[in-house]
Amino acid sequence: MSPDQSKSSTGPSAKTILIVEDEDNIREVVRRYLEREGFQVCEAADGYSALDLIAEQEPDLIVMDLMLPGIDGLTLTRQLRQRSRVPVIMLTARGETSDRVRGLDLGADDYMPKPFSPRELVSRIHAILRRAAPTEAARVRFGEVDLDLDSRTVIVREESVKLTAKEFDLLWFLANHPGQVFTRERLLDNVWGKDFAGDPATVTVHIRHLREKIEPDPAKPRHLITVWGVGYRLENAHA
């Protein structure tokens, strides 16, 4: 096995992270931080090697550069999503907003612009793996907002708030993916359905209505955050 396809030896129950990055120094830094956290680490320097390792190692999460030799990150993500839901964090150069949006639309779970903090990357990996873990929860709480799926009720600062059916669906979806950025198109697919033929601006309208109902100050939202040029995320912070 080549150095670019090495795997660290940690405990048998450790999660496996695949780093797909053609810059040796970035792979090395990320690998050291991940191993320090107890992860097993696979490495690939190009898209073709990544495909082989994905089949061999079945990683629990992939950190993938957008610009790769052989197969670029967008193409690799598209191929991967045809057969797997393994979480993907995409690494992009600053200013590549359109590519970040395309990556999220193709199924990437998050992105980080270069240069990035390895500690922040590790924190995002932990957060995504927690979200990916199976759960039977029918209630979600963030800040001072409580959602109950069975009764479809919303309590904000100990007061009942009335939401439309689609407002509840949108808020429930975002609340179950805290910190994850979604484009309007991905929100339409997941909340309205892939056959929805209406205006994508309906997402913006629903976000505005939700802010008016759950945020202490809708003009300065603490939970429903706009990621300019990309989409929206729910910040799991206390109000």
Protein backbone atom coordinates (compact mmCIF):
# COMPACT_ATOMS: atom_id res chain seq x y z
CA MET A 1 0.00 0.00 0.00
CA SER A 2 1.42 3.39 -1.00
CA PRO A 3 2.01 6.26 1.47
CA ASP A 4 -0.98 8.04 -0.03
CA GLN A 5 -3.20 5.06 0.84
CA SER A 6 -1.92 4.38 4.34
CA LYS A 7 -4.21 3.71 7.28
CA SER A 8 -3.37 4.50 10.86
CA SER A 9 -3.71 1.85 13.56
CA THR A 10 -6.09 2.92 16.32
CA GLY A 11 -8.81 1.08 18.21
CA PRO A 12 -11.11 -1.29 16.30
CA SER A 13 -14.20 0.76 17.15
CA ALA A 14 -12.73 4.06 15.94
CA LYS A 15 -14.47 5.89 13.13
CA THR A 16 -12.62 5.90 9.82
CA ILE A 17 -12.03 9.21 8.01
CA LEU A 18 -10.84 9.34 4.41
CA ILE A 19 -8.78 12.41 3.44
CA VAL A 20 -8.80 13.07 -0.31
CA GLU A 21 -6.28 15.85 -0.92
CA ASP A 22 -3.42 16.19 -3.41
CA GLU A 23 -1.35 18.53 -1.23
CA ASP A 24 0.88 16.40 0.99
CA ASN A 25 1.28 18.99 3.75
CA ILE A 26 -2.48 19.46 4.14
CA ARG A 27 -3.07 15.71 4.31
CA GLU A 28 -0.34 15.34 6.92
CA VAL A 29 -1.69 18.11 9.16
CA VAL A 30 -5.27 16.87 8.95
CA ARG A 31 -4.17 13.28 9.56
CA ARG A 32 -2.24 14.23 12.70
CA TYR A 33 -5.19 16.14 14.14
CA LEU A 34 -7.61 13.30 13.38
CA GLU A 35 -5.35 10.61 14.83
CA ARG A 36 -4.98 12.72 17.96
CA GLU A 37 -8.78 12.53 18.28
CA GLY A 38 -8.71 8.73 18.01
CA PHE A 39 -9.89 8.41 14.40
CA GLN A 40 -8.56 5.89 11.93
CA VAL A 41 -7.35 7.70 8.82
CA CYS A 42 -7.13 6.72 5.16
CA GLU A 43 -5.43 8.99 2.63
CA ALA A 44 -5.77 9.43 -1.12
CA ALA A 45 -4.01 11.98 -3.31
CA ASP A 46 -6.37 11.71 -6.32
CA GLY A 47 -9.93 10.82 -7.20
CA TYR A 48 -9.21 7.35 -8.60
CA SER A 49 -7.35 6.27 -5.46
CA ALA A 50 -10.23 7.68 -3.41
CA LEU A 51 -12.75 5.48 -5.24
CA ASP A 52 -10.65 2.40 -4.51
CA LEU A 53 -10.33 3.28 -0.81
CA ILE A 54 -14.04 4.03 -0.47
CA ALA A 55 -14.79 0.52 -1.75
CA GLU A 56 -12.09 -1.12 0.40
CA GLN A 57 -12.35 0.78 3.68
CA GLU A 58 -16.00 2.00 3.72
CA PRO A 59 -15.07 5.21 5.60
CA ASP A 60 -17.49 6.83 8.04
CA LEU A 61 -16.77 10.31 6.65
CA ILE A 62 -14.79 11.81 3.75
CA VAL A 63 -12.85 15.08 3.73
CA MET A 64 -12.43 15.90 0.05
CA ASP A 65 -10.67 18.66 -1.86
CA LEU A 66 -12.65 20.21 -4.69
CA MET A 67 -9.71 20.31 -7.13
CA LEU A 68 -8.24 16.83 -7.52
CA PRO A 69 -6.15 15.09 -10.16
CA GLY A 70 -7.92 12.37 -12.11
CA ILE A 71 -11.48 12.91 -10.90
CA ASP A 72 -12.40 16.29 -9.40
CA GLY A 73 -14.28 16.56 -6.13
CA LEU A 74 -17.61 17.49 -7.71
CA THR A 75 -17.57 14.51 -10.07
CA LEU A 76 -16.44 12.22 -7.27
CA THR A 77 -19.27 13.43 -5.01
CA ARG A 78 -21.80 12.90 -7.79
CA GLN A 79 -20.61 9.33 -8.36
CA LEU A 80 -20.47 8.63 -4.64
CA ARG A 81 -24.04 9.79 -4.05
CA GLN A 82 -25.32 7.27 -6.58
CA ARG A 83 -24.52 4.48 -4.12
CA SER A 84 -23.67 5.92 -0.70
CA ARG A 85 -24.79 8.48 1.89
CA VAL A 86 -21.42 8.67 3.64
CA PRO A 87 -20.98 12.26 4.92
CA VAL A 88 -18.68 14.48 2.85
CA ILE A 89 -16.92 17.69 3.87
CA MET A 90 -15.62 19.53 0.83
CA LEU A 91 -12.49 21.70 0.94
CA THR A 92 -12.65 24.69 -1.42
CA ALA A 93 -10.54 27.71 -2.28
CA ARG A 94 -11.90 31.05 -1.11
CA GLY A 95 -14.10 32.76 -3.68
CA GLU A 96 -15.41 29.56 -5.27
CA THR A 97 -18.98 30.26 -4.18
CA SER A 98 -20.58 28.68 -7.25
CA ASP A 99 -18.57 25.49 -6.77
CA ARG A 100 -19.48 25.36 -3.07
CA VAL A 101 -23.15 25.63 -4.01
CA ARG A 102 -22.76 22.90 -6.64
CA GLY A 103 -21.01 20.68 -4.10
CA LEU A 104 -23.83 21.09 -1.59
CA ASP A 105 -26.42 20.50 -4.31
CA LEU A 106 -24.66 17.27 -5.30
CA GLY A 107 -24.83 16.00 -1.73
CA ALA A 108 -21.82 17.31 0.19
CA ASP A 109 -22.75 17.77 3.85
CA ASP A 110 -20.52 20.75 4.59
CA TYR A 111 -17.63 22.73 3.17
CA MET A 112 -14.58 24.55 4.49
CA PRO A 113 -12.76 27.27 2.53
CA LYS A 114 -8.97 27.15 2.41
CA PRO A 115 -6.98 28.03 4.39
CA PHE A 116 -8.86 26.46 7.27
CA SER A 117 -8.36 25.65 10.93
CA PRO A 118 -7.69 21.92 11.45
CA ARG A 119 -9.31 22.20 14.90
CA GLU A 120 -12.49 23.59 13.34
CA LEU A 121 -12.45 20.81 10.77
CA VAL A 122 -12.22 18.20 13.55
CA SER A 123 -15.13 19.90 15.37
CA ARG A 124 -17.25 19.78 12.21
CA ILE A 125 -16.39 16.12 11.70
CA HIS A 126 -17.55 15.32 15.25
CA ALA A 127 -20.77 17.30 14.69
CA ILE A 128 -21.59 15.58 11.39
CA LEU A 129 -20.91 12.13 12.80
CA ARG A 130 -23.22 12.89 15.74
CA ARG A 131 -25.96 13.96 13.32
CA ALA A 132 -25.43 10.84 11.22
CA ALA A 133 -25.91 8.55 14.22
CA PRO A 134 -29.30 6.78 14.30
CA THR A 135 -31.84 8.44 16.55
CA GLU A 136 -35.41 7.79 17.57
CA ALA A 137 -35.96 11.27 18.96
CA ALA A 138 -39.33 12.81 18.19
CA ARG A 139 -38.47 16.04 20.01
CA VAL A 140 -35.79 18.59 19.25
CA ARG A 141 -34.70 21.57 21.32
CA PHE A 142 -32.42 24.45 20.34
CA GLY A 143 -32.01 27.62 22.38
CA GLU A 144 -35.45 28.24 23.86
CA VAL A 145 -37.32 26.51 21.04
CA ASP A 146 -38.93 23.08 21.53
CA LEU A 147 -40.29 21.04 18.61
CA ASP A 148 -42.49 17.97 19.08
CA LEU A 149 -42.92 15.87 15.94
CA ASP A 150 -45.81 13.72 17.17
CA SER A 151 -48.03 16.67 18.07
CA ARG A 152 -46.35 19.04 15.56
CA THR A 153 -46.25 21.71 18.23
CA VAL A 154 -43.68 24.45 18.76
CA ILE A 155 -42.96 26.10 22.10
CA VAL A 156 -40.85 29.26 22.05
CA ARG A 157 -39.80 30.74 25.39
CA GLU A 158 -42.54 28.67 27.08
CA GLU A 159 -45.27 29.97 24.76
CA SER A 160 -47.02 28.02 22.02
CA VAL A 161 -46.33 29.30 18.50
CA LYS A 162 -48.52 28.45 15.52
CA LEU A 163 -46.68 27.38 12.37
CA THR A 164 -48.06 26.36 9.00
CA ALA A 165 -47.45 22.75 8.00
CA LYS A 166 -44.61 23.65 5.67
CA GLU A 167 -43.04 26.05 8.19
CA PHE A 168 -42.96 23.21 10.72
CA ASP A 169 -41.49 20.79 8.16
CA LEU A 170 -38.76 23.26 7.22
CA LEU A 171 -37.88 24.06 10.83
CA TRP A 172 -37.91 20.38 11.80
CA PHE A 173 -35.57 19.50 8.94
CA LEU A 174 -33.09 22.27 9.79
CA ALA A 175 -33.28 21.49 13.52
CA ASN A 176 -32.31 17.89 12.81
CA HIS A 177 -29.22 19.06 10.88
CA PRO A 178 -27.79 21.77 13.17
CA GLY A 179 -24.83 23.67 11.75
CA GLN A 180 -25.21 22.14 8.28
CA VAL A 181 -25.55 24.57 5.36
CA PHE A 182 -28.32 23.90 2.82
CA THR A 183 -28.91 25.64 -0.49
CA ARG A 184 -32.47 26.63 -1.32
CA GLU A 185 -32.56 23.84 -3.92
CA ARG A 186 -31.62 21.17 -1.36
CA LEU A 187 -34.22 22.51 1.08
CA LEU A 188 -36.84 22.36 -1.66
CA ASP A 189 -35.88 18.74 -2.44
CA ASN A 190 -35.94 17.66 1.21
CA VAL A 191 -38.96 19.63 2.46
CA TRP A 192 -41.16 20.33 -0.56
CA GLY A 193 -40.12 17.28 -2.59
CA LYS A 194 -38.16 16.80 -5.80
CA ASP A 195 -41.30 17.30 -7.92
CA PHE A 196 -41.89 20.82 -6.57
CA ALA A 197 -42.16 23.18 -9.56
CA GLY A 198 -42.69 26.48 -7.73
CA ASP A 199 -40.40 29.44 -7.16
CA PRO A 200 -37.24 28.67 -5.11
CA ALA A 201 -37.82 32.04 -3.42
CA THR A 202 -40.53 30.31 -1.37
CA VAL A 203 -37.71 29.05 0.87
CA THR A 204 -36.62 32.62 1.58
CA VAL A 205 -40.20 33.60 2.39
CA HIS A 206 -40.64 30.68 4.79
CA ILE A 207 -37.33 31.45 6.52
CA ARG A 208 -38.46 35.06 7.01
CA HIS A 209 -41.79 33.93 8.49
CA LEU A 210 -40.04 31.48 10.81
CA ARG A 211 -37.68 34.18 12.03
CA GLU A 212 -40.65 36.39 12.83
CA LYS A 213 -42.15 33.59 14.92
CA ILE A 214 -39.18 32.10 16.77
CA GLU A 215 -36.36 34.67 16.87
CA PRO A 216 -36.16 37.23 19.70
CA ASP A 217 -35.05 39.79 17.08
CA PRO A 218 -35.88 38.66 13.52
CA ALA A 219 -33.58 41.36 12.10
CA LYS A 220 -30.65 39.78 13.97
CA PRO A 221 -31.40 36.05 13.92
CA ARG A 222 -29.58 33.77 16.35
CA HIS A 223 -30.81 30.48 14.98
CA LEU A 224 -31.89 30.71 11.33
CA ILE A 225 -28.67 31.99 9.80
CA THR A 226 -28.12 33.12 6.22
CA VAL A 227 -24.86 31.91 4.68
CA TRP A 228 -24.46 34.52 1.98
CA GLY A 229 -24.09 33.14 -1.52
CA VAL A 230 -24.87 29.60 -0.37
CA GLY A 231 -28.04 29.12 1.68
CA TYR A 232 -29.18 28.66 5.27
CA ARG A 233 -28.22 26.80 8.43
CA LEU A 234 -29.70 26.41 11.89
CA GLU A 235 -27.40 27.51 14.67
CA ASN A 236 -27.93 25.44 17.79
CA ALA A 237 -27.31 28.31 20.21
CA HIS A 238 -29.06 29.53 23.32
CA ALA A 239 -31.31 32.54 22.90
